[in-house]
Amino acid sequence: MKVLGNYEFPETEEESKDWKPFYTYRALHSQVLVVAKTRIEGKWAAYCAPVPGIDHQEEMKEVFRSGSKVFEDYAKAMFPRFAGIPYAK
């Protein structure tokens, strides 16, 4: 595994079998989530979308399916924990 920032990313096909992305979110409002996720290629991205505001843990899954990608500068400001990892274009 290679380490970027505070996260490990697979370097081989064997390592990728057990690798799981890290997810986190920020609620801009009870009905607006920004969700960030590490990607297997050693990058990360954040997406934003409106949600019902009932269960953010469940709702963040839909944000990845239908959300809009957040501009890199905004994403880095909201998720400093990903410092040292390239933002996916």
Protein backbone atom coordinates (compact mmCIF):
# COMPACT_ATOMS: atom_id res chain seq x y z
CA MET A 1 0.00 0.00 0.00
CA LYS A 2 1.11 3.55 -0.63
CA VAL A 3 0.33 6.29 1.86
CA LEU A 4 -0.95 9.68 0.71
CA GLY A 5 -1.92 12.14 3.41
CA ASN A 6 -3.35 9.98 6.19
CA TYR A 7 -4.78 7.26 3.95
CA GLU A 8 -3.55 4.06 2.34
CA PHE A 9 -4.16 3.26 -1.33
CA PRO A 10 -3.53 -0.05 -3.09
CA GLU A 11 -0.58 -0.44 -5.43
CA THR A 12 -1.31 -3.96 -6.62
CA GLU A 13 -4.35 -5.88 -7.76
CA GLU A 14 -4.06 -8.09 -4.69
CA GLU A 15 -4.10 -5.08 -2.34
CA SER A 16 -7.10 -3.62 -4.15
CA LYS A 17 -9.26 -6.64 -3.31
CA ASP A 18 -9.49 -5.65 0.36
CA TRP A 19 -9.28 -1.87 -0.05
CA LYS A 20 -12.28 0.18 1.02
CA PRO A 21 -12.75 3.90 0.30
CA PHE A 22 -13.07 6.37 3.14
CA TYR A 23 -16.31 8.41 3.13
CA THR A 24 -17.15 11.52 5.10
CA TYR A 25 -19.67 14.31 4.81
CA ARG A 26 -20.47 17.85 5.88
CA ALA A 27 -23.99 19.13 6.19
CA LEU A 28 -24.26 22.65 4.79
CA HIS A 29 -27.90 22.57 5.90
CA SER A 30 -30.04 19.74 7.25
CA GLN A 31 -31.11 19.13 3.63
CA VAL A 32 -27.83 19.78 1.79
CA LEU A 33 -24.86 17.43 2.03
CA VAL A 34 -21.34 17.58 0.68
CA VAL A 35 -19.80 14.11 0.63
CA ALA A 36 -16.13 13.28 0.08
CA LYS A 37 -14.64 9.91 -0.76
CA THR A 38 -11.19 8.52 -1.44
CA ARG A 39 -10.75 6.75 -4.77
CA ILE A 40 -8.78 3.62 -5.50
CA GLU A 41 -6.34 5.44 -7.82
CA GLY A 42 -5.06 7.55 -4.91
CA LYS A 43 -7.26 10.61 -5.32
CA TRP A 44 -10.41 11.96 -3.74
CA ALA A 45 -13.47 13.93 -4.77
CA ALA A 46 -16.45 15.68 -3.17
CA TYR A 47 -20.04 15.94 -4.37
CA CYS A 48 -22.98 18.07 -3.24
CA ALA A 49 -26.74 17.46 -3.46
CA PRO A 50 -30.00 18.16 -1.67
CA VAL A 51 -31.27 15.37 0.61
CA PRO A 52 -34.45 14.74 2.63
CA GLY A 53 -32.53 15.44 5.85
CA ILE A 54 -33.73 12.36 7.72
CA ASP A 55 -30.60 10.15 7.91
CA HIS A 56 -27.40 11.67 6.57
CA GLN A 57 -25.50 8.37 6.82
CA GLU A 58 -27.93 6.79 4.37
CA GLU A 59 -28.48 9.90 2.27
CA MET A 60 -24.81 10.39 1.50
CA LYS A 61 -24.92 7.34 -0.79
CA GLU A 62 -27.36 9.11 -3.09
CA VAL A 63 -25.17 12.21 -3.16
CA PHE A 64 -22.52 10.18 -5.02
CA ARG A 65 -25.06 8.94 -7.55
CA SER A 66 -26.78 12.22 -8.30
CA GLY A 67 -24.71 15.04 -6.79
CA SER A 68 -22.66 17.66 -8.53
CA LYS A 69 -18.90 17.62 -8.20
CA VAL A 70 -17.61 20.37 -5.92
CA PHE A 71 -14.91 22.75 -7.15
CA GLU A 72 -11.50 21.71 -5.84
CA ASP A 73 -10.87 24.90 -3.82
CA TYR A 74 -14.19 24.57 -2.01
CA ALA A 75 -13.70 20.85 -1.40
CA LYS A 76 -10.23 21.38 0.09
CA ALA A 77 -11.60 24.05 2.44
CA MET A 78 -14.40 21.74 3.65
CA PHE A 79 -12.27 18.61 3.95
CA PRO A 80 -8.75 19.49 5.13
CA ARG A 81 -8.31 15.88 6.28
CA PHE A 82 -7.51 14.99 2.64
CA ALA A 83 -4.43 17.24 2.49
CA GLY A 84 -1.64 15.49 0.61
CA ILE A 85 -4.00 13.58 -1.68
CA PRO A 86 -4.66 14.86 -5.21
CA TYR A 87 -8.19 15.99 -6.04
CA ALA A 88 -9.74 14.00 -8.88
CA LYS A 89 -10.41 16.15 -11.95
